[in-house]
């Protein structure tokens, strides 16, 4: 089992920045994808950014050039640096770990609220 704990959310003005952190309860080995998703009120959860065990990254078009996902293996932590925030970035942000090897498993954090005021 892996627990994921997010932190770093909050209230920020348009154009501001926040850094989200997702700490895993133990080291992650094998093949996996870690990422951030978000869900705004009345909308479906959507992918924001992911990083693979091979360090490949992927971003939603809506955040490209503004958000950066990084990983610190020594701290078992994934970060999401969010710059030039817009009101439409307001959502609950969730951390996800999708393991594919040595076994298939899927873990979610509890979510952290990000609110961008106009």
Protein backbone atom coordinates (compact mmCIF):
# COMPACT_ATOMS: atom_id res chain seq x y z
CA UNK A 1 0.00 0.00 0.00
CA UNK A 2 1.08 3.55 -0.72
CA UNK A 3 -0.37 6.67 0.85
CA UNK A 4 -0.16 9.93 -1.05
CA UNK A 5 -0.37 13.22 0.83
CA UNK A 6 -0.80 16.47 -1.07
CA UNK A 7 0.01 19.92 0.23
CA UNK A 8 0.58 23.42 -1.06
CA UNK A 9 -2.86 24.45 -2.20
CA UNK A 10 -4.41 27.77 -1.32
CA UNK A 11 -5.82 31.05 -2.53
CA UNK A 12 -3.83 33.12 -5.02
CA UNK A 13 -4.55 36.02 -7.33
CA UNK A 14 -4.56 35.77 -11.11
CA UNK A 15 -1.01 35.64 -12.37
CA UNK A 16 0.33 34.23 -9.13
CA UNK A 17 2.15 30.99 -8.42
CA UNK A 18 1.75 27.97 -6.20
CA UNK A 19 3.75 24.78 -5.74
CA UNK A 20 1.92 21.57 -4.91
CA UNK A 21 3.68 18.64 -3.29
CA UNK A 22 2.70 14.98 -3.24
CA UNK A 23 4.60 12.84 -0.77
CA UNK A 24 4.44 9.06 -1.06
CA UNK A 25 4.64 6.98 2.12
CA UNK A 26 7.43 4.84 0.71
CA UNK A 27 9.84 4.62 -2.19
CA UNK A 28 8.29 3.66 -5.50
CA UNK A 29 10.00 1.06 -7.64
CA UNK A 30 9.26 -0.47 -11.00
CA UNK A 31 7.27 1.05 -13.83
CA UNK A 32 4.80 3.75 -12.93
CA UNK A 33 3.26 7.06 -13.79
CA UNK A 34 2.77 9.76 -11.17
CA UNK A 35 0.65 12.71 -11.93
CA UNK A 36 -1.67 15.49 -11.01
CA UNK A 37 -5.34 15.66 -11.89
CA UNK A 38 -7.88 18.31 -11.06
CA UNK A 39 -11.62 18.56 -10.68
CA UNK A 40 -13.53 21.80 -10.78
CA UNK A 41 -17.09 22.04 -9.44
CA UNK A 42 -19.57 20.43 -11.83
CA UNK A 43 -16.81 19.12 -14.10
CA UNK A 44 -15.10 15.81 -14.68
CA UNK A 45 -11.69 15.10 -13.24
CA UNK A 46 -9.03 15.91 -15.82
CA UNK A 47 -5.35 15.19 -16.24
CA UNK A 48 -3.01 18.10 -15.58
CA UNK A 49 0.50 16.63 -15.79
CA UNK A 50 2.30 13.33 -15.42
CA UNK A 51 5.84 12.02 -15.03
CA UNK A 52 6.85 8.43 -15.68
CA UNK A 53 9.41 6.26 -13.96
CA UNK A 54 11.53 6.98 -17.01
CA UNK A 55 11.19 10.74 -16.38
CA UNK A 56 9.01 11.42 -19.40
CA UNK A 57 6.56 14.23 -18.77
CA UNK A 58 3.19 15.05 -20.27
CA UNK A 59 1.01 18.13 -19.87
CA UNK A 60 -2.53 19.07 -20.67
CA UNK A 61 -2.63 21.70 -23.40
CA UNK A 62 -4.29 24.14 -21.02
CA UNK A 63 -1.27 24.20 -18.69
CA UNK A 64 1.66 23.83 -21.11
CA UNK A 65 4.24 26.52 -20.58
CA UNK A 66 2.77 27.48 -17.19
CA UNK A 67 2.99 24.31 -15.07
CA UNK A 68 6.00 22.09 -14.45
CA UNK A 69 5.99 18.63 -12.90
CA UNK A 70 9.14 17.37 -11.20
CA UNK A 71 10.10 14.44 -9.05
CA UNK A 72 12.50 14.06 -6.12
CA UNK A 73 13.17 10.36 -5.72
CA UNK A 74 15.17 10.86 -2.51
CA UNK A 75 12.10 12.42 -0.88
CA UNK A 76 9.51 10.19 -2.61
CA UNK A 77 7.82 13.43 -3.66
CA UNK A 78 6.35 14.83 -6.85
CA UNK A 79 5.87 18.56 -7.28
CA UNK A 80 3.69 20.69 -9.50
CA UNK A 81 4.95 24.22 -9.96
CA UNK A 82 2.08 26.37 -11.19
CA UNK A 83 2.84 29.80 -12.61
CA UNK A 84 0.69 32.43 -14.32
CA UNK A 85 -2.38 31.02 -12.65
CA UNK A 86 -5.80 31.78 -14.09
CA UNK A 87 -9.27 31.62 -12.52
CA UNK A 88 -10.00 28.57 -14.68
CA UNK A 89 -7.24 26.72 -12.84
CA UNK A 90 -9.44 26.75 -9.74
CA UNK A 91 -10.10 23.15 -8.73
CA UNK A 92 -9.28 20.42 -6.28
CA UNK A 93 -5.95 18.95 -7.32
CA UNK A 94 -5.33 15.26 -6.79
CA UNK A 95 -2.09 13.30 -6.88
CA UNK A 96 -2.14 9.89 -8.53
CA UNK A 97 0.24 6.96 -8.65
CA UNK A 98 -0.43 4.35 -11.31
CA UNK A 99 1.80 1.29 -10.95
CA UNK A 100 2.18 -1.12 -13.85
CA UNK A 101 5.12 -3.25 -12.74
CA UNK A 102 5.80 -5.30 -10.65
CA UNK A 103 2.05 -5.15 -10.15
CA UNK A 104 -0.89 -3.08 -11.26
CA UNK A 105 -2.18 -0.67 -8.63
CA UNK A 106 -3.72 2.77 -8.53
CA UNK A 107 -3.50 5.23 -5.66
CA UNK A 108 -4.99 8.68 -5.07
CA UNK A 109 -4.32 11.42 -2.58
CA UNK A 110 -7.04 13.24 -0.69
CA UNK A 111 -6.82 16.38 -2.82
CA UNK A 112 -5.82 19.96 -2.18
CA UNK A 113 -7.88 23.02 -3.08
CA UNK A 114 -6.45 25.64 -5.41
CA UNK A 115 -8.45 28.84 -5.81
CA UNK A 116 -7.41 31.59 -8.20
CA UNK A 117 -9.19 34.90 -7.71
CA UNK A 118 -9.74 37.32 -10.56
